[in-house]
Protein backbone atom coordinates (compact mmCIF):
# COMPACT_ATOMS: atom_id res chain seq x y z
CA UNK A 1 -27.23 97.19 -79.05
CA UNK A 2 -26.30 99.86 -81.60
CA UNK A 3 -28.74 100.71 -84.37
CA UNK A 4 -27.69 99.84 -87.90
CA UNK A 5 -28.13 102.10 -90.89
CA UNK A 6 -30.08 100.11 -93.50
CA UNK A 7 -30.08 96.35 -93.73
CA UNK A 8 -26.73 94.69 -94.25
CA UNK A 9 -26.55 91.11 -95.41
CA UNK A 10 -24.80 88.66 -93.09
CA UNK A 11 -23.02 87.12 -96.09
CA UNK A 12 -20.77 88.98 -98.50
CA UNK A 13 -21.74 87.33 -101.78
CA UNK A 14 -19.83 89.83 -103.95
CA UNK A 15 -16.67 87.72 -103.85
CA UNK A 16 -18.58 84.83 -105.48
CA UNK A 17 -19.95 86.88 -108.40
CA UNK A 18 -19.30 85.19 -111.77
CA UNK A 19 -18.02 82.09 -109.95
CA UNK A 20 -19.53 78.65 -109.72
CA UNK A 21 -21.46 78.03 -106.48
CA UNK A 22 -23.43 75.12 -105.08
CA UNK A 23 -26.79 75.95 -103.50
CA UNK A 24 -28.82 73.71 -101.20
CA UNK A 25 -32.54 74.44 -100.81
CA UNK A 26 -35.18 73.53 -98.24
CA UNK A 27 -36.82 70.34 -99.39
CA UNK A 28 -33.54 68.74 -100.42
CA UNK A 29 -32.90 70.10 -103.92
CA UNK A 30 -29.33 71.03 -104.81
CA UNK A 31 -28.03 72.96 -107.80
CA UNK A 32 -24.74 74.26 -109.09
CA UNK A 33 -24.45 77.37 -111.25
CA UNK A 34 -22.61 80.62 -111.91
CA UNK A 35 -23.71 83.42 -109.55
CA UNK A 36 -24.86 86.39 -111.65
CA UNK A 37 -26.79 88.40 -109.06
CA UNK A 38 -28.16 88.50 -105.49
CA UNK A 39 -29.78 90.84 -102.99
CA UNK A 40 -29.91 91.30 -99.19
CA UNK A 41 -32.66 88.66 -98.89
CA UNK A 42 -30.39 86.11 -100.63
CA UNK A 43 -32.53 85.91 -103.76
CA UNK A 44 -30.07 84.47 -106.28
CA UNK A 45 -29.68 84.63 -110.04
CA UNK A 46 -27.71 81.64 -111.33
CA UNK A 47 -26.62 81.00 -114.92
CA UNK A 48 -25.80 77.64 -116.49
CA UNK A 49 -27.64 75.97 -113.59
CA UNK A 50 -27.63 72.22 -113.20
CA UNK A 51 -29.85 70.38 -110.69
CA UNK A 52 -28.62 67.18 -109.05
CA UNK A 53 -31.20 64.43 -109.43
CA UNK A 54 -32.38 62.33 -106.47
CA UNK A 55 -32.16 58.57 -106.19
CA UNK A 56 -35.67 57.15 -106.85
CA UNK A 57 -35.14 54.51 -104.12
CA UNK A 58 -33.79 56.96 -101.50
CA UNK A 59 -35.11 60.56 -101.75
CA UNK A 60 -32.36 61.79 -99.38
CA UNK A 61 -29.56 60.58 -101.65
CA UNK A 62 -28.38 62.69 -104.58
CA UNK A 63 -27.05 61.14 -107.76
CA UNK A 64 -24.12 62.38 -109.84
CA UNK A 65 -26.63 62.72 -112.68
CA UNK A 66 -27.82 66.28 -113.39
CA UNK A 67 -30.41 68.07 -115.50
CA UNK A 68 -29.77 71.44 -117.08
CA UNK A 69 -31.99 74.34 -115.94
CA UNK A 70 -30.16 77.26 -117.63
CA UNK A 71 -30.75 80.73 -116.13
CA UNK A 72 -32.64 80.54 -112.81
CA UNK A 73 -33.89 82.90 -110.12
CA UNK A 74 -33.99 81.36 -106.64
CA UNK A 75 -36.06 82.80 -103.83
CA UNK A 76 -33.93 83.60 -100.80
CA UNK A 77 -36.37 82.17 -98.25
CA UNK A 78 -35.76 78.66 -99.63
CA UNK A 79 -31.94 78.90 -99.71
CA UNK A 80 -30.25 76.92 -96.93
CA UNK A 81 -26.61 76.85 -98.04
CA UNK A 82 -24.40 78.59 -100.59
CA UNK A 83 -20.81 77.44 -101.05
CA UNK A 84 -18.16 77.83 -103.75
CA UNK A 85 -17.59 74.73 -105.87
CA UNK A 86 -13.81 75.25 -105.98
CA UNK A 87 -13.38 74.66 -102.24
CA UNK A 88 -14.55 75.78 -98.86
CA UNK A 89 -13.67 78.96 -97.03
CA UNK A 90 -14.03 79.68 -93.32
CA UNK A 91 -15.75 82.96 -92.44
CA UNK A 92 -15.87 84.82 -89.14
CA UNK A 93 -19.00 84.18 -87.09
CA UNK A 94 -21.14 87.35 -87.55
CA UNK A 95 -23.13 86.61 -84.38
CA UNK A 96 -20.20 86.72 -81.95
CA UNK A 97 -19.77 90.51 -81.88
CA UNK A 98 -22.87 91.06 -79.68
CA UNK A 99 -21.98 88.28 -77.26
CA UNK A 100 -21.23 89.30 -73.69
CA UNK A 101 -23.24 92.56 -73.90
CA UNK A 102 -26.46 92.68 -71.92
């Protein structure tokens, strides 16, 4: 396995800068906001953030109802999923390049 210079993020978040993204967190919370910043650990800065509220009868079901959070900073260790709100995009699997080498 070749050594890498520095730490490179698996995801290229630069193409989502200043665009609306949906973020799913551990624990079930979901928000939508405009991506204003990020780092290699996937710490995110979102502006105009709105959190989707959960159904009081079923904690696993999200409602269409939201609450405004404004500018938020999200810790990367709790981020499970980041996707654009204007559609989905397939990316190449970053873990396939080392396959077959032993």
